Amino acid sequence: MNLTDYVKQVSQEDFGKPFKHTAHWNKRLRSTGGRFFPKDGHLDFNPKIYEEHGLTVFRQIVRHELCHYHLYAERKGYRHADADFKTLLQAVNGLRYTPKIATPQKYKTYTCQSCGQIYHRKRQIDTKKYRCGKCQGLLQFDGMVTRD
């Protein structure tokens, strides 16, 4: 799917106005579905939204970003708090907030060599400095574990 062509199609169908700039996938976006850049007019979109939630939700995200785009071009209130933005977003059935994106947590696992107690930590710990809280035994690094 060519993203820029898809955004142009949505703009023409839902807004009746042309989209004259480019759209890009941005894998670094984490908690947002897309971004509008007023400086040069291009749009960035989170590919995880399309992968996890499908085309219908992604189209609503595109509408949201196009609301920013077209209102900015018309010199109207294009920010989230502006009344112009809220009414246009509701008129085109765009999403106000991005749905939750599943991001699995990575943990480091440590095991006590004496009693077998298992510890999960987000940060790496110094096994020479820290000991088991139960028996004061030495800790051994087991590896990374991914949990939801």
C-alpha atoms as a PDB file:
ATOM      1  CA  MET A   1       0.000   0.000   0.000  1.00  0.00           C
ATOM      2  CA  ASN A   2       1.441   3.371  -1.017  1.00  0.00           C
ATOM      3  CA  LEU A   3       0.741   5.539   2.010  1.00  0.00           C
ATOM      4  CA  THR A   4       0.760   8.927   0.283  1.00  0.00           C
ATOM      5  CA  ASP A   5      -1.706   7.736  -2.361  1.00  0.00           C
ATOM      6  CA  TYR A   6      -3.970   6.299   0.348  1.00  0.00           C
ATOM      7  CA  VAL A   7      -3.938   9.592   2.306  1.00  0.00           C
ATOM      8  CA  LYS A   8      -4.725  11.497  -0.910  1.00  0.00           C
ATOM      9  CA  GLN A   9      -7.662   9.163  -1.551  1.00  0.00           C
ATOM     10  CA  VAL A  10      -9.020   9.579   2.012  1.00  0.00           C
ATOM     11  CA  SER A  11      -8.616  13.345   1.783  1.00  0.00           C
ATOM     12  CA  GLN A  12     -10.544  13.529  -1.467  1.00  0.00           C
ATOM     13  CA  GLU A  13     -13.309  11.116  -0.386  1.00  0.00           C
ATOM     14  CA  ASP A  14     -13.867  12.350   3.185  1.00  0.00           C
ATOM     15  CA  PHE A  15     -12.935  16.039   2.970  1.00  0.00           C
ATOM     16  CA  GLY A  16     -13.406  16.850  -0.709  1.00  0.00           C
ATOM     17  CA  LYS A  17     -10.011  18.575  -0.670  1.00  0.00           C
ATOM     18  CA  PRO A  18      -6.638  17.515  -2.108  1.00  0.00           C
ATOM     19  CA  PHE A  19      -3.669  16.419  -0.011  1.00  0.00           C
ATOM     20  CA  LYS A  20      -0.625  18.017  -1.654  1.00  0.00           C
ATOM     21  CA  HIS A  21       2.211  16.761   0.539  1.00  0.00           C
ATOM     22  CA  THR A  22       3.705  13.391   1.495  1.00  0.00           C
ATOM     23  CA  ALA A  23       2.902  10.792   4.143  1.00  0.00           C
ATOM     24  CA  HIS A  24       5.494   8.533   5.781  1.00  0.00           C
ATOM     25  CA  TRP A  25       5.580   5.514   8.098  1.00  0.00           C
ATOM     26  CA  ASN A  26       7.431   6.302  11.330  1.00  0.00           C
ATOM     27  CA  LYS A  27       8.323   3.249  13.430  1.00  0.00           C
ATOM     28  CA  ARG A  28       9.609   5.429  16.268  1.00  0.00           C
ATOM     29  CA  LEU A  29       6.126   6.679  17.181  1.00  0.00           C
ATOM     30  CA  ARG A  30       5.059   4.902  20.370  1.00  0.00           C
ATOM     31  CA  SER A  31       1.914   6.297  21.933  1.00  0.00           C
ATOM     32  CA  THR A  32       0.447   8.243  19.031  1.00  0.00           C
ATOM     33  CA  GLY A  33      -1.152   7.166  15.779  1.00  0.00           C
ATOM     34  CA  GLY A  34       0.236   9.983  13.660  1.00  0.00           C
ATOM     35  CA  ARG A  35       1.783  13.431  13.550  1.00  0.00           C
ATOM     36  CA  PHE A  36       1.231  16.532  11.433  1.00  0.00           C
ATOM     37  CA  PHE A  37       4.195  18.794  10.711  1.00  0.00           C
ATOM     38  CA  PRO A  38       3.027  22.370  10.016  1.00  0.00           C
ATOM     39  CA  LYS A  39       6.522  23.446   8.933  1.00  0.00           C
ATOM     40  CA  ASP A  40       6.530  21.380   5.734  1.00  0.00           C
ATOM     41  CA  GLY A  41       3.022  19.854   5.717  1.00  0.00           C
ATOM     42  CA  HIS A  42       3.942  16.165   5.730  1.00  0.00           C
ATOM     43  CA  LEU A  43       2.273  13.510   7.885  1.00  0.00           C
ATOM     44  CA  ASP A  44       3.840  10.633   9.844  1.00  0.00           C
ATOM     45  CA  PHE A  45       1.895   7.509  10.782  1.00  0.00           C
ATOM     46  CA  ASN A  46       2.542   4.691  13.213  1.00  0.00           C
ATOM     47  CA  PRO A  47       2.650   1.357  11.332  1.00  0.00           C
ATOM     48  CA  LYS A  48       1.727  -0.555  14.515  1.00  0.00           C
ATOM     49  CA  ILE A  49      -1.770   0.962  14.434  1.00  0.00           C
ATOM     50  CA  TYR A  50      -2.366  -0.459  10.967  1.00  0.00           C
ATOM     51  CA  GLU A  51      -0.896  -3.852  11.906  1.00  0.00           C
ATOM     52  CA  GLU A  52      -2.770  -4.275  15.202  1.00  0.00           C
ATOM     53  CA  HIS A  53      -6.115  -2.554  14.594  1.00  0.00           C
ATOM     54  CA  GLY A  54      -6.707  -2.853  10.855  1.00  0.00           C
ATOM     55  CA  LEU A  55      -7.705  -0.512   8.080  1.00  0.00           C
ATOM     56  CA  THR A  56     -10.912   0.952   9.602  1.00  0.00           C
ATOM     57  CA  VAL A  57      -9.153   2.303  12.718  1.00  0.00           C
ATOM     58  CA  PHE A  58      -6.184   3.417  10.640  1.00  0.00           C
ATOM     59  CA  ARG A  59      -8.507   5.358   8.323  1.00  0.00           C
ATOM     60  CA  GLN A  60      -9.933   7.186  11.358  1.00  0.00           C
ATOM     61  CA  ILE A  61      -6.370   8.086  12.420  1.00  0.00           C
ATOM     62  CA  VAL A  62      -5.690   9.399   8.904  1.00  0.00           C
ATOM     63  CA  ARG A  63      -8.849  11.526   9.138  1.00  0.00           C
ATOM     64  CA  HIS A  64      -7.612  12.938  12.464  1.00  0.00           C
ATOM     65  CA  GLU A  65      -4.285  14.001  10.955  1.00  0.00           C
ATOM     66  CA  LEU A  66      -6.007  15.371   7.854  1.00  0.00           C
ATOM     67  CA  CYS A  67      -8.180  17.544  10.122  1.00  0.00           C
ATOM     68  CA  HIS A  68      -4.968  19.144  11.419  1.00  0.00           C
ATOM     69  CA  TYR A  69      -3.657  19.461   7.867  1.00  0.00           C
ATOM     70  CA  HIS A  70      -6.710  21.068   6.245  1.00  0.00           C
ATOM     71  CA  LEU A  71      -7.520  23.395   9.154  1.00  0.00           C
ATOM     72  CA  TYR A  72      -3.931  24.631   9.231  1.00  0.00           C
ATOM     73  CA  ALA A  73      -4.075  25.300   5.483  1.00  0.00           C
ATOM     74  CA  GLU A  74      -7.320  27.275   5.968  1.00  0.00           C
ATOM     75  CA  ARG A  75      -5.794  29.237   8.875  1.00  0.00           C
ATOM     76  CA  LYS A  76      -8.417  27.953  11.319  1.00  0.00           C
ATOM     77  CA  GLY A  77      -7.987  26.371  14.740  1.00  0.00           C
ATOM     78  CA  TYR A  78      -6.053  23.188  13.985  1.00  0.00           C
ATOM     79  CA  ARG A  79      -5.017  22.212  17.536  1.00  0.00           C
ATOM     80  CA  HIS A  80      -6.777  19.598  19.670  1.00  0.00           C
ATOM     81  CA  ALA A  81      -8.418  22.120  21.984  1.00  0.00           C
ATOM     82  CA  ASP A  82      -9.841  24.325  19.209  1.00  0.00           C
ATOM     83  CA  ALA A  83     -13.563  24.213  18.434  1.00  0.00           C
ATOM     84  CA  ASP A  84     -12.927  24.115  14.664  1.00  0.00           C
ATOM     85  CA  PHE A  85     -10.850  20.952  15.086  1.00  0.00           C
ATOM     86  CA  LYS A  86     -13.402  19.229  17.314  1.00  0.00           C
ATOM     87  CA  THR A  87     -16.335  19.919  14.991  1.00  0.00           C
ATOM     88  CA  LEU A  88     -14.486  18.847  11.831  1.00  0.00           C
ATOM     89  CA  LEU A  89     -13.211  15.682  13.511  1.00  0.00           C
ATOM     90  CA  GLN A  90     -16.727  14.764  14.571  1.00  0.00           C
ATOM     91  CA  ALA A  91     -18.111  15.552  11.100  1.00  0.00           C
ATOM     92  CA  VAL A  92     -15.668  13.181   9.338  1.00  0.00           C
ATOM     93  CA  ASN A  93     -15.852  10.489  12.063  1.00  0.00           C
ATOM     94  CA  GLY A  94     -12.185  10.623  13.024  1.00  0.00           C
ATOM     95  CA  LEU A  95     -10.710   9.206  16.217  1.00  0.00           C
ATOM     96  CA  ARG A  96      -9.991  11.676  19.009  1.00  0.00           C
ATOM     97  CA  TYR A  97      -7.554   9.328  20.811  1.00  0.00           C
ATOM     98  CA  THR A  98      -5.345   6.541  19.546  1.00  0.00           C
ATOM     99  CA  PRO A  99      -6.264   3.043  20.730  1.00  0.00           C
ATOM    100  CA  LYS A 100      -3.824   1.290  23.026  1.00  0.00           C
ATOM    101  CA  ILE A 101      -0.814  -0.279  21.333  1.00  0.00           C
ATOM    102  CA  ALA A 102       0.427  -3.537  22.827  1.00  0.00           C
ATOM    103  CA  THR A 103       4.042  -3.161  23.896  1.00  0.00           C
ATOM    104  CA  PRO A 104       5.456  -6.238  25.614  1.00  0.00           C
ATOM    105  CA  GLN A 105       7.678  -5.552  28.626  1.00  0.00           C
ATOM    106  CA  LYS A 106      11.208  -6.962  28.692  1.00  0.00           C
ATOM    107  CA  TYR A 107      12.603  -8.142  32.007  1.00  0.00           C
ATOM    108  CA  LYS A 108      15.979  -9.433  33.092  1.00  0.00           C
ATOM    109  CA  THR A 109      15.774 -12.627  35.147  1.00  0.00           C
ATOM    110  CA  TYR A 110      18.097 -13.445  38.037  1.00  0.00           C
ATOM    111  CA  THR A 111      18.163 -16.648  40.101  1.00  0.00           C
ATOM    112  CA  CYS A 112      19.693 -17.199  43.530  1.00  0.00           C
ATOM    113  CA  GLN A 113      22.328 -19.961  43.387  1.00  0.00           C
ATOM    114  CA  SER A 114      21.539 -21.102  46.942  1.00  0.00           C
ATOM    115  CA  CYS A 115      17.753 -21.125  47.373  1.00  0.00           C
ATOM    116  CA  GLY A 116      16.547 -20.805  43.757  1.00  0.00           C
ATOM    117  CA  GLN A 117      14.568 -17.567  44.314  1.00  0.00           C
ATOM    118  CA  ILE A 118      13.772 -15.905  40.954  1.00  0.00           C
ATOM    119  CA  TYR A 119      13.892 -12.134  40.478  1.00  0.00           C
ATOM    120  CA  HIS A 120      12.554 -10.154  37.495  1.00  0.00           C
ATOM    121  CA  ARG A 121      14.003  -6.678  37.015  1.00  0.00           C
ATOM    122  CA  LYS A 122      13.575  -4.040  34.311  1.00  0.00           C
ATOM    123  CA  ARG A 123      17.074  -2.723  34.912  1.00  0.00           C
ATOM    124  CA  GLN A 124      20.274  -4.713  34.980  1.00  0.00           C
ATOM    125  CA  ILE A 125      21.766  -5.206  38.435  1.00  0.00           C
ATOM    126  CA  ASP A 126      25.357  -5.804  39.491  1.00  0.00           C
ATOM    127  CA  THR A 127      25.504  -9.429  40.653  1.00  0.00           C
ATOM    128  CA  LYS A 128      28.769  -8.754  42.502  1.00  0.00           C
ATOM    129  CA  LYS A 129      27.130  -6.029  44.591  1.00  0.00           C
ATOM    130  CA  TYR A 130      23.591  -7.352  45.205  1.00  0.00           C
ATOM    131  CA  ARG A 131      22.556 -10.593  46.909  1.00  0.00           C
ATOM    132  CA  CYS A 132      19.388 -12.630  47.407  1.00  0.00           C
ATOM    133  CA  GLY A 133      16.897 -11.017  49.781  1.00  0.00           C
ATOM    134  CA  LYS A 134      15.939 -14.368  51.306  1.00  0.00           C
ATOM    135  CA  CYS A 135      19.242 -16.111  52.034  1.00  0.00           C
ATOM    136  CA  GLN A 136      21.947 -13.619  50.993  1.00  0.00           C
ATOM    137  CA  GLY A 137      23.138 -16.055  48.303  1.00  0.00           C
ATOM    138  CA  LEU A 138      24.840 -15.085  45.052  1.00  0.00           C
ATOM    139  CA  LEU A 139      22.641 -14.070  42.099  1.00  0.00           C
ATOM    140  CA  GLN A 140      23.090 -15.413  38.594  1.00  0.00           C
ATOM    141  CA  PHE A 141      21.848 -13.666  35.434  1.00  0.00           C
ATOM    142  CA  ASP A 142      19.550 -16.017  33.445  1.00  0.00           C
ATOM    143  CA  GLY A 143      18.615 -13.826  30.481  1.00  0.00           C
ATOM    144  CA  MET A 144      15.812 -11.688  29.062  1.00  0.00           C
ATOM    145  CA  VAL A 145      12.119 -12.558  29.398  1.00  0.00           C
ATOM    146  CA  THR A 146       9.271 -10.853  27.493  1.00  0.00           C
ATOM    147  CA  ARG A 147       5.940 -10.548  29.301  1.00  0.00           C
ATOM    148  CA  ASP A 148       2.728  -8.717  28.358  1.00  0.00           C
END
